[in-house]
PDB file of N, CA and C in Angstrom:
ATOM      1  N   MET A   1      20.385  -5.120  10.968  1.00  0.00           N
ATOM      2  CA  MET A   1      19.419  -4.292  10.120  1.00  0.00           C
ATOM      3  C   MET A   1      17.875  -4.714  10.511  1.00  0.00           C
ATOM      4  N   SER A   2      17.459  -4.125  11.023  1.00  0.00           N
ATOM      5  CA  SER A   2      15.547  -4.418  11.361  1.00  0.00           C
ATOM      6  C   SER A   2      14.718  -4.744  10.515  1.00  0.00           C
ATOM      7  N   LYS A   3      13.914  -5.445  10.139  1.00  0.00           N
ATOM      8  CA  LYS A   3      13.088  -5.396   9.186  1.00  0.00           C
ATOM      9  C   LYS A   3      11.577  -4.376   9.130  1.00  0.00           C
ATOM     10  N   ARG A   4      11.143  -4.124   8.595  1.00  0.00           N
ATOM     11  CA  ARG A   4      10.180  -2.784   8.600  1.00  0.00           C
ATOM     12  C   ARG A   4       9.014  -3.500   9.176  1.00  0.00           C
ATOM     13  N   LYS A   5       8.236  -3.208   9.915  1.00  0.00           N
ATOM     14  CA  LYS A   5       6.484  -3.474  10.433  1.00  0.00           C
ATOM     15  C   LYS A   5       6.061  -2.972   9.278  1.00  0.00           C
ATOM     16  N   ASN A   6       4.914  -4.023   9.069  1.00  0.00           N
ATOM     17  CA  ASN A   6       3.631  -3.526   8.089  1.00  0.00           C
ATOM     18  C   ASN A   6       2.419  -3.660   9.261  1.00  0.00           C
ATOM     19  N   HIS A   7       1.911  -2.621   9.340  1.00  0.00           N
ATOM     20  CA  HIS A   7       0.778  -2.215  10.506  1.00  0.00           C
ATOM     21  C   HIS A   7      -0.711  -2.207   9.238  1.00  0.00           C
ATOM     22  N   SER A   8      -1.633  -3.267   9.888  1.00  0.00           N
ATOM     23  CA  SER A   8      -3.095  -3.026   9.736  1.00  0.00           C
ATOM     24  C   SER A   8      -3.416  -1.960   9.427  1.00  0.00           C
ATOM     25  N   PRO A   9      -4.443  -1.579   8.451  1.00  0.00           N
ATOM     26  CA  PRO A   9      -5.192  -0.204   8.672  1.00  0.00           C
ATOM     27  C   PRO A   9      -6.099  -0.234   9.710  1.00  0.00           C
ATOM     28  N   GLU A  10      -6.447  -1.155  10.377  1.00  0.00           N
ATOM     29  CA  GLU A  10      -7.517  -0.873  11.524  1.00  0.00           C
ATOM     30  C   GLU A  10      -6.219  -0.532  12.783  1.00  0.00           C
ATOM     31  N   PHE A  11      -5.085  -1.072  12.574  1.00  0.00           N
ATOM     32  CA  PHE A  11      -4.134  -0.314  13.772  1.00  0.00           C
ATOM     33  C   PHE A  11      -3.782   1.067  13.617  1.00  0.00           C
ATOM     34  N   LYS A  12      -3.332   1.393  12.267  1.00  0.00           N
ATOM     35  CA  LYS A  12      -3.011   2.644  11.840  1.00  0.00           C
ATOM     36  C   LYS A  12      -4.374   3.791  12.368  1.00  0.00           C
ATOM     37  N   ALA A  13      -5.346   3.175  12.191  1.00  0.00           N
ATOM     38  CA  ALA A  13      -6.834   3.732  12.317  1.00  0.00           C
ATOM     39  C   ALA A  13      -6.816   4.318  13.808  1.00  0.00           C
ATOM     40  N   LYS A  14      -6.620   3.078  14.433  1.00  0.00           N
ATOM     41  CA  LYS A  14      -6.897   3.041  16.075  1.00  0.00           C
ATOM     42  C   LYS A  14      -6.001   4.007  16.583  1.00  0.00           C
ATOM     43  N   VAL A  15      -4.531   4.117  16.097  1.00  0.00           N
ATOM     44  CA  VAL A  15      -3.370   5.261  16.874  1.00  0.00           C
ATOM     45  C   VAL A  15      -3.780   6.520  16.281  1.00  0.00           C
ATOM     46  N   ALA A  16      -4.222   6.611  14.964  1.00  0.00           N
ATOM     47  CA  ALA A  16      -4.416   8.041  14.481  1.00  0.00           C
ATOM     48  C   ALA A  16      -5.819   8.739  15.009  1.00  0.00           C
ATOM     49  N   LEU A  17      -6.902   7.967  15.941  1.00  0.00           N
ATOM     50  CA  LEU A  17      -7.516   8.448  16.398  1.00  0.00           C
ATOM     51  C   LEU A  17      -7.485   8.827  17.786  1.00  0.00           C
ATOM     52  N   GLU A  18      -6.583   7.913  18.337  1.00  0.00           N
ATOM     53  CA  GLU A  18      -6.105   8.424  19.780  1.00  0.00           C
ATOM     54  C   GLU A  18      -5.348   9.787  19.596  1.00  0.00           C
ATOM     55  N   ALA A  19      -5.050   9.953  18.556  1.00  0.00           N
ATOM     56  CA  ALA A  19      -3.652  11.193  18.407  1.00  0.00           C
ATOM     57  C   ALA A  19      -4.531  12.374  18.373  1.00  0.00           C
ATOM     58  N   LEU A  20      -6.111  12.231  17.772  1.00  0.00           N
ATOM     59  CA  LEU A  20      -6.799  12.947  17.335  1.00  0.00           C
ATOM     60  C   LEU A  20      -7.406  13.182  18.475  1.00  0.00           C
ATOM     61  N   LYS A  21      -8.023  12.748  19.505  1.00  0.00           N
ATOM     62  CA  LYS A  21      -8.501  12.551  20.646  1.00  0.00           C
ATOM     63  C   LYS A  21      -8.027  13.536  21.848  1.00  0.00           C
ATOM     64  N   GLY A  22      -6.253  13.731  21.435  1.00  0.00           N
ATOM     65  CA  GLY A  22      -5.448  14.562  22.087  1.00  0.00           C
ATOM     66  C   GLY A  22      -5.375  14.578  23.757  1.00  0.00           C
ATOM     67  N   GLU A  23      -5.921  13.280  24.280  1.00  0.00           N
ATOM     68  CA  GLU A  23      -5.785  12.827  25.749  1.00  0.00           C
ATOM     69  C   GLU A  23      -4.332  12.522  26.022  1.00  0.00           C
ATOM     70  N   GLN A  24      -3.650  12.045  25.044  1.00  0.00           N
ATOM     71  CA  GLN A  24      -2.177  11.955  25.200  1.00  0.00           C
ATOM     72  C   GLN A  24      -0.803  12.406  24.436  1.00  0.00           C
ATOM     73  N   THR A  25      -0.004  12.726  24.582  1.00  0.00           N
ATOM     74  CA  THR A  25       1.097  13.258  23.749  1.00  0.00           C
ATOM     75  C   THR A  25       1.302  12.305  22.792  1.00  0.00           C
ATOM     76  N   VAL A  26       1.912  12.802  21.580  1.00  0.00           N
ATOM     77  CA  VAL A  26       2.137  11.817  20.495  1.00  0.00           C
ATOM     78  C   VAL A  26       3.337  11.015  20.831  1.00  0.00           C
ATOM     79  N   ALA A  27       4.492  11.510  21.623  1.00  0.00           N
ATOM     80  CA  ALA A  27       5.653  10.929  22.611  1.00  0.00           C
ATOM     81  C   ALA A  27       5.031   9.344  23.366  1.00  0.00           C
ATOM     82  N   GLU A  28       3.605   9.737  23.996  1.00  0.00           N
ATOM     83  CA  GLU A  28       3.465   8.546  24.997  1.00  0.00           C
ATOM     84  C   GLU A  28       2.657   7.510  24.007  1.00  0.00           C
ATOM     85  N   LEU A  29       1.818   8.147  23.148  1.00  0.00           N
ATOM     86  CA  LEU A  29       1.139   7.409  21.989  1.00  0.00           C
ATOM     87  C   LEU A  29       2.561   6.331  21.311  1.00  0.00           C
ATOM     88  N   ALA A  30       3.435   6.918  20.771  1.00  0.00           N
ATOM     89  CA  ALA A  30       4.669   5.941  20.260  1.00  0.00           C
ATOM     90  C   ALA A  30       5.112   5.453  21.005  1.00  0.00           C
ATOM     91  N   SER A  31       5.395   5.674  22.444  1.00  0.00           N
ATOM     92  CA  SER A  31       5.718   4.417  23.239  1.00  0.00           C
ATOM     93  C   SER A  31       4.491   3.572  23.548  1.00  0.00           C
ATOM     94  N   GLN A  32       3.443   3.727  23.723  1.00  0.00           N
ATOM     95  CA  GLN A  32       2.184   3.130  23.855  1.00  0.00           C
ATOM     96  C   GLN A  32       2.421   2.166  23.012  1.00  0.00           C
ATOM     97  N   PHE A  33       2.356   2.131  21.583  1.00  0.00           N
ATOM     98  CA  PHE A  33       1.774   1.584  20.834  1.00  0.00           C
ATOM     99  C   PHE A  33       3.281   0.960  19.952  1.00  0.00           C
ATOM    100  N   GLY A  34       4.263   1.534  20.294  1.00  0.00           N
ATOM    101  CA  GLY A  34       5.518   1.074  19.302  1.00  0.00           C
ATOM    102  C   GLY A  34       5.780   1.706  17.857  1.00  0.00           C
ATOM    103  N   VAL A  35       5.363   2.590  17.618  1.00  0.00           N
ATOM    104  CA  VAL A  35       5.755   2.919  17.013  1.00  0.00           C
ATOM    105  C   VAL A  35       6.141   4.557  17.081  1.00  0.00           C
ATOM    106  N   HIS A  36       7.012   4.845  15.665  1.00  0.00           N
ATOM    107  CA  HIS A  36       7.962   6.189  15.612  1.00  0.00           C
ATOM    108  C   HIS A  36       6.611   7.601  15.497  1.00  0.00           C
ATOM    109  N   PRO A  37       6.834   8.950  16.332  1.00  0.00           N
ATOM    110  CA  PRO A  37       6.394   9.614  16.388  1.00  0.00           C
ATOM    111  C   PRO A  37       5.615  10.479  14.880  1.00  0.00           C
ATOM    112  N   THR A  38       6.560  10.317  14.147  1.00  0.00           N
ATOM    113  CA  THR A  38       6.402  10.726  12.857  1.00  0.00           C
ATOM    114  C   THR A  38       5.503   9.811  11.792  1.00  0.00           C
ATOM    115  N   MET A  39       5.366   8.422  12.357  1.00  0.00           N
ATOM    116  CA  MET A  39       4.182   7.753  11.638  1.00  0.00           C
ATOM    117  C   MET A  39       3.005   8.208  12.347  1.00  0.00           C
ATOM    118  N   ILE A  40       2.979   8.426  13.443  1.00  0.00           N
ATOM    119  CA  ILE A  40       1.403   8.797  14.061  1.00  0.00           C
ATOM    120  C   ILE A  40       1.301  10.088  13.503  1.00  0.00           C
ATOM    121  N   HIS A  41       1.926  11.296  13.348  1.00  0.00           N
ATOM    122  CA  HIS A  41       1.887  12.381  12.956  1.00  0.00           C
ATOM    123  C   HIS A  41       1.194  12.020  10.969  1.00  0.00           C
ATOM    124  N   SER A  42       1.701  11.214  10.501  1.00  0.00           N
ATOM    125  CA  SER A  42       1.051  11.008   9.606  1.00  0.00           C
ATOM    126  C   SER A  42       0.233  10.315   9.110  1.00  0.00           C
ATOM    127  N   TRP A  43      -0.303   9.066   9.944  1.00  0.00           N
ATOM    128  CA  TRP A  43      -1.265   8.792  10.035  1.00  0.00           C
ATOM    129  C   TRP A  43      -2.727   9.785  10.265  1.00  0.00           C
ATOM    130  N   LYS A  44      -2.202  10.747  11.247  1.00  0.00           N
ATOM    131  CA  LYS A  44      -3.145  11.412  11.418  1.00  0.00           C
ATOM    132  C   LYS A  44      -3.704  12.162  10.416  1.00  0.00           C
ATOM    133  N   ARG A  45      -2.284  12.750   9.967  1.00  0.00           N
ATOM    134  CA  ARG A  45      -2.915  13.486   8.684  1.00  0.00           C
ATOM    135  C   ARG A  45      -3.555  12.969   7.502  1.00  0.00           C
ATOM    136  N   ALA A  46      -3.590  11.520   6.840  1.00  0.00           N
ATOM    137  CA  ALA A  46      -3.723  10.579   6.205  1.00  0.00           C
ATOM    138  C   ALA A  46      -5.806  10.513   6.710  1.00  0.00           C
ATOM    139  N   LEU A  47      -5.641  10.434   7.815  1.00  0.00           N
ATOM    140  CA  LEU A  47      -7.081  10.651   8.278  1.00  0.00           C
ATOM    141  C   LEU A  47      -7.755  11.626   8.412  1.00  0.00           C
ATOM    142  N   LEU A  48      -7.289  12.702   8.630  1.00  0.00           N
ATOM    143  CA  LEU A  48      -7.739  13.833   8.563  1.00  0.00           C
ATOM    144  C   LEU A  48      -8.578  14.282   6.892  1.00  0.00           C
ATOM    145  N   GLU A  49      -7.358  13.705   5.972  1.00  0.00           N
ATOM    146  CA  GLU A  49      -7.651  14.465   4.376  1.00  0.00           C
ATOM    147  C   GLU A  49      -8.323  13.295   3.964  1.00  0.00           C
ATOM    148  N   GLY A  50      -7.904  12.022   4.463  1.00  0.00           N
ATOM    149  CA  GLY A  50      -9.559  10.740   3.747  1.00  0.00           C
ATOM    150  C   GLY A  50     -10.819  10.943   4.765  1.00  0.00           C
ATOM    151  N   ALA A  51     -11.361  12.083   5.829  1.00  0.00           N
ATOM    152  CA  ALA A  51     -12.219  11.446   6.467  1.00  0.00           C
ATOM    153  C   ALA A  51     -13.565  12.094   5.897  1.00  0.00           C
ATOM    154  N   SER A  52     -13.124  13.192   4.964  1.00  0.00           N
ATOM    155  CA  SER A  52     -14.207  13.724   3.905  1.00  0.00           C
ATOM    156  C   SER A  52     -14.897  12.769   3.128  1.00  0.00           C
ATOM    157  N   GLY A  53     -14.112  11.859   2.544  1.00  0.00           N
ATOM    158  CA  GLY A  53     -14.336  10.200   1.945  1.00  0.00           C
ATOM    159  C   GLY A  53     -15.448   9.523   2.159  1.00  0.00           C
ATOM    160  N   VAL A  54     -15.658   9.691   3.723  1.00  0.00           N
ATOM    161  CA  VAL A  54     -16.870   8.671   4.408  1.00  0.00           C
ATOM    162  C   VAL A  54     -18.103   9.149   3.787  1.00  0.00           C
ATOM    163  N   PHE A  55     -18.326  10.702   3.832  1.00  0.00           N
ATOM    164  CA  PHE A  55     -19.716  10.993   3.738  1.00  0.00           C
ATOM    165  C   PHE A  55     -20.158  11.579   2.041  1.00  0.00           C
ATOM    166  N   GLU A  56     -19.133  10.879   1.268  1.00  0.00           N
ATOM    167  CA  GLU A  56     -19.671  11.461  -0.382  1.00  0.00           C
ATOM    168  C   GLU A  56     -20.921  10.210  -0.369  1.00  0.00           C
ATOM    169  N   ARG A  57     -21.678  10.805  -1.243  1.00  0.00           N
ATOM    170  CA  ARG A  57     -23.305  10.078  -1.547  1.00  0.00           C
ATOM    171  C   ARG A  57     -22.437   8.964  -2.654  1.00  0.00           C
ATOM    172  N   GLY A  58     -23.235   8.113  -3.035  1.00  0.00           N
ATOM    173  CA  GLY A  58     -22.939   6.682  -3.712  1.00  0.00           C
ATOM    174  C   GLY A  58     -22.271   5.919  -3.049  1.00  0.00           C
ATOM    175  N   GLY A  59     -21.656   6.133  -2.303  1.00  0.00           N
ATOM    176  CA  GLY A  59     -20.457   4.960  -1.707  1.00  0.00           C
ATOM    177  C   GLY A  59     -19.412   5.101  -2.680  1.00  0.00           C
ATOM    178  N   LYS A  60     -18.505   4.295  -2.927  1.00  0.00           N
ATOM    179  CA  LYS A  60     -17.117   4.130  -3.259  1.00  0.00           C
ATOM    180  C   LYS A  60     -17.765   4.648  -4.875  1.00  0.00           C
ATOM    181  N   LYS A  61     -16.335   5.060  -5.392  1.00  0.00           N
ATOM    182  CA  LYS A  61     -16.419   5.476  -7.043  1.00  0.00           C
ATOM    183  C   LYS A  61     -15.611   4.270  -7.447  1.00  0.00           C
ATOM    184  N   ALA A  62     -16.215   3.655  -8.440  1.00  0.00           N
ATOM    185  CA  ALA A  62     -15.728   2.632  -9.358  1.00  0.00           C
ATOM    186  C   ALA A  62     -14.135   3.214  -9.799  1.00  0.00           C
ATOM    187  N   PRO A  63     -12.931   2.494  -9.795  1.00  0.00           N
ATOM    188  CA  PRO A  63     -11.634   2.937 -10.280  1.00  0.00           C
ATOM    189  C   PRO A  63     -11.994   3.167 -12.352  1.00  0.00           C
ATOM    190  N   GLU A  64     -11.934   4.062 -12.497  1.00  0.00           N
ATOM    191  CA  GLU A  64     -11.552   4.486 -13.922  1.00  0.00           C
ATOM    192  C   GLU A  64     -10.666   3.794 -14.725  1.00  0.00           C
ATOM    193  N   ILE A  65     -10.935   3.106 -16.032  1.00  0.00           N
ATOM    194  CA  ILE A  65      -9.929   2.164 -16.125  1.00  0.00           C
ATOM    195  C   ILE A  65      -9.847   2.704 -17.224  1.00  0.00           C
ATOM    196  N   ASP A  66      -8.696   2.817 -17.780  1.00  0.00           N
ATOM    197  CA  ASP A  66      -7.977   3.326 -18.891  1.00  0.00           C
ATOM    198  C   ASP A  66      -7.371   2.434 -20.142  1.00  0.00           C
ATOM    199  N   GLU A  67      -8.432   2.157 -21.004  1.00  0.00           N
ATOM    200  CA  GLU A  67      -8.419   0.562 -21.912  1.00  0.00           C
ATOM    201  C   GLU A  67      -7.016   1.268 -22.922  1.00  0.00           C
ATOM    202  N   GLU A  68      -6.484   2.304 -23.087  1.00  0.00           N
ATOM    203  CA  GLU A  68      -5.693   2.545 -23.497  1.00  0.00           C
ATOM    204  C   GLU A  68      -3.943   1.801 -23.012  1.00  0.00           C
ATOM    205  N   GLN A  69      -4.244   1.874 -21.756  1.00  0.00           N
ATOM    206  CA  GLN A  69      -3.088   1.481 -21.120  1.00  0.00           C
ATOM    207  C   GLN A  69      -3.077   0.200 -20.561  1.00  0.00           C
ATOM    208  N   VAL A  70      -4.540  -0.481 -20.533  1.00  0.00           N
ATOM    209  CA  VAL A  70      -4.864  -1.790 -20.405  1.00  0.00           C
ATOM    210  C   VAL A  70      -4.091  -2.459 -21.512  1.00  0.00           C
ATOM    211  N   LYS A  71      -4.520  -2.242 -22.810  1.00  0.00           N
ATOM    212  CA  LYS A  71      -3.817  -2.646 -23.942  1.00  0.00           C
ATOM    213  C   LYS A  71      -2.679  -3.296 -23.697  1.00  0.00           C
ATOM    214  N   ASP A  72      -1.547  -1.505 -23.621  1.00  0.00           N
ATOM    215  CA  ASP A  72      -0.410  -1.719 -23.677  1.00  0.00           C
ATOM    216  C   ASP A  72       0.036  -2.307 -22.792  1.00  0.00           C
ATOM    217  N   LEU A  73      -0.510  -2.803 -21.485  1.00  0.00           N
ATOM    218  CA  LEU A  73      -0.464  -3.650 -20.429  1.00  0.00           C
ATOM    219  C   LEU A  73       0.252  -5.056 -20.714  1.00  0.00           C
ATOM    220  N   HIS A  74      -1.443  -5.344 -21.840  1.00  0.00           N
ATOM    221  CA  HIS A  74      -1.047  -6.669 -22.074  1.00  0.00           C
ATOM    222  C   HIS A  74      -0.546  -6.600 -23.524  1.00  0.00           C
ATOM    223  N   ALA A  75      -0.072  -5.969 -23.896  1.00  0.00           N
ATOM    224  CA  ALA A  75       1.225  -6.037 -25.005  1.00  0.00           C
ATOM    225  C   ALA A  75       2.263  -6.664 -24.279  1.00  0.00           C
ATOM    226  N   LYS A  76       2.717  -5.925 -23.221  1.00  0.00           N
ATOM    227  CA  LYS A  76       3.940  -6.055 -22.437  1.00  0.00           C
ATOM    228  C   LYS A  76       3.920  -7.298 -22.084  1.00  0.00           C
ATOM    229  N   ILE A  77       2.958  -7.797 -21.082  1.00  0.00           N
ATOM    230  CA  ILE A  77       2.966  -9.135 -20.557  1.00  0.00           C
ATOM    231  C   ILE A  77       3.113  -9.948 -21.637  1.00  0.00           C
ATOM    232  N   GLY A  78       2.616  -9.903 -22.819  1.00  0.00           N
ATOM    233  CA  GLY A  78       2.809 -10.827 -24.392  1.00  0.00           C
ATOM    234  C   GLY A  78       4.336 -10.835 -24.552  1.00  0.00           C
ATOM    235  N   GLU A  79       4.881  -9.758 -24.607  1.00  0.00           N
ATOM    236  CA  GLU A  79       6.403  -9.756 -24.448  1.00  0.00           C
ATOM    237  C   GLU A  79       7.338 -10.392 -24.113  1.00  0.00           C
ATOM    238  N   LEU A  80       6.807  -9.974 -22.905  1.00  0.00           N
ATOM    239  CA  LEU A  80       7.590 -10.799 -21.650  1.00  0.00           C
ATOM    240  C   LEU A  80       7.396 -12.410 -21.827  1.00  0.00           C
ATOM    241  N   ALA A  81       6.135 -12.647 -21.489  1.00  0.00           N
ATOM    242  CA  ALA A  81       5.931 -13.913 -21.939  1.00  0.00           C
ATOM    243  C   ALA A  81       6.929 -14.851 -23.158  1.00  0.00           C
ATOM    244  N   VAL A  82       6.760 -14.551 -24.002  1.00  0.00           N
ATOM    245  CA  VAL A  82       7.578 -14.800 -25.655  1.00  0.00           C
ATOM    246  C   VAL A  82       9.049 -14.958 -24.898  1.00  0.00           C
ATOM    247  N   ALA A  83       9.832 -13.791 -24.422  1.00  0.00           N
ATOM    248  CA  ALA A  83      11.197 -13.609 -23.942  1.00  0.00           C
ATOM    249  C   ALA A  83      11.341 -14.583 -22.860  1.00  0.00           C
ATOM    250  N   ASN A  84      10.298 -14.932 -21.822  1.00  0.00           N
ATOM    251  CA  ASN A  84      10.367 -15.672 -20.976  1.00  0.00           C
ATOM    252  C   ASN A  84      10.514 -17.207 -21.456  1.00  0.00           C
ATOM    253  N   ASP A  85       9.770 -17.701 -22.149  1.00  0.00           N
ATOM    254  CA  ASP A  85       9.622 -18.525 -22.875  1.00  0.00           C
ATOM    255  C   ASP A  85      11.208 -19.297 -23.859  1.00  0.00           C
ATOM    256  N   PHE A  86      11.580 -18.298 -24.170  1.00  0.00           N
ATOM    257  CA  PHE A  86      12.779 -18.516 -25.246  1.00  0.00           C
ATOM    258  C   PHE A  86      14.080 -18.604 -24.375  1.00  0.00           C
ATOM    259  N   LEU A  87      14.173 -17.699 -23.106  1.00  0.00           N
ATOM    260  CA  LEU A  87      15.206 -18.051 -22.561  1.00  0.00           C
ATOM    261  C   LEU A  87      15.029 -19.194 -21.634  1.00  0.00           C
ATOM    262  N   SER A  88      13.953 -19.825 -21.142  1.00  0.00           N
ATOM    263  CA  SER A  88      13.649 -21.121 -20.454  1.00  0.00           C
ATOM    264  C   SER A  88      14.124 -22.279 -21.195  1.00  0.00           C
ATOM    265  N   ARG A  89      14.166 -22.089 -23.098  1.00  0.00           N
ATOM    266  CA  ARG A  89      14.276 -23.123 -23.630  1.00  0.00           C
ATOM    267  C   ARG A  89      16.183 -23.091 -23.911  1.00  0.00           C
ATOM    268  N   LYS A  90      16.399 -22.149 -24.132  1.00  0.00           N
ATOM    269  CA  LYS A  90      18.011 -21.600 -24.363  1.00  0.00           C
ATOM    270  C   LYS A  90      18.647 -22.437 -23.197  1.00  0.00           C
ATOM    271  N   LEU A  91      18.060 -22.083 -21.594  1.00  0.00           N
ATOM    272  CA  LEU A  91      18.964 -22.126 -20.563  1.00  0.00           C
ATOM    273  C   LEU A  91      18.786 -23.572 -20.173  1.00  0.00           C
ATOM    274  N   LYS A  92      17.714 -24.606 -20.553  1.00  0.00           N
ATOM    275  CA  LYS A  92      17.846 -26.129 -20.132  1.00  0.00           C
ATOM    276  C   LYS A  92      19.021 -26.857 -20.401  1.00  0.00           C
ATOM    277  N   PRO A  93      19.931 -26.955 -21.322  1.00  0.00           N
ATOM    278  CA  PRO A  93      20.976 -27.518 -21.325  1.00  0.00           C
ATOM    279  C   PRO A  93      21.898 -27.177 -19.744  1.00  0.00           C
ATOM    280  N   TRP A  94      21.713 -26.100 -19.534  1.00  0.00           N
ATOM    281  CA  TRP A  94      22.426 -25.599 -18.138  1.00  0.00           C
ATOM    282  C   TRP A  94      22.161 -25.895 -17.053  1.00  0.00           C
ATOM    283  N   ILE A  95      20.574 -25.874 -16.707  1.00  0.00           N
ATOM    284  CA  ILE A  95      19.721 -25.798 -15.991  1.00  0.00           C
ATOM    285  C   ILE A  95      19.468 -27.962 -15.421  1.00  0.00           C
ATOM    286  N   GLY A  96      19.435 -28.397 -16.546  1.00  0.00           N
ATOM    287  CA  GLY A  96      19.102 -29.526 -16.502  1.00  0.00           C
ATOM    288  C   GLY A  96      17.592 -29.855 -16.329  1.00  0.00           C
ATOM    289  N   LYS A  97      16.894 -29.368 -16.750  1.00  0.00           N
ATOM    290  CA  LYS A  97      15.306 -29.800 -16.354  1.00  0.00           C
ATOM    291  C   LYS A  97      14.561 -30.290 -17.938  1.00  0.00           C
TER     292      LYS A  97
END
């Protein structure tokens, strides 16, 4: 079984821009860059959908923080920390630490 490749955003943008140029077919680009044609189509679509964000005023938007969700996540972290501490104390006789 082969491992999935993680391509950098720069590589994806380069391949998508080449696909947008239309100088080569998607099959030619796929063999040139060593990726599946379906990936090239999806990267091209993502580039076209996200291109309008480049020209928005005010730069990048700050992510909205949901205070209620943050509170719930902090509570969950506390619960997991207590459970982890409890289990580590109970397992000491078996792991020998």
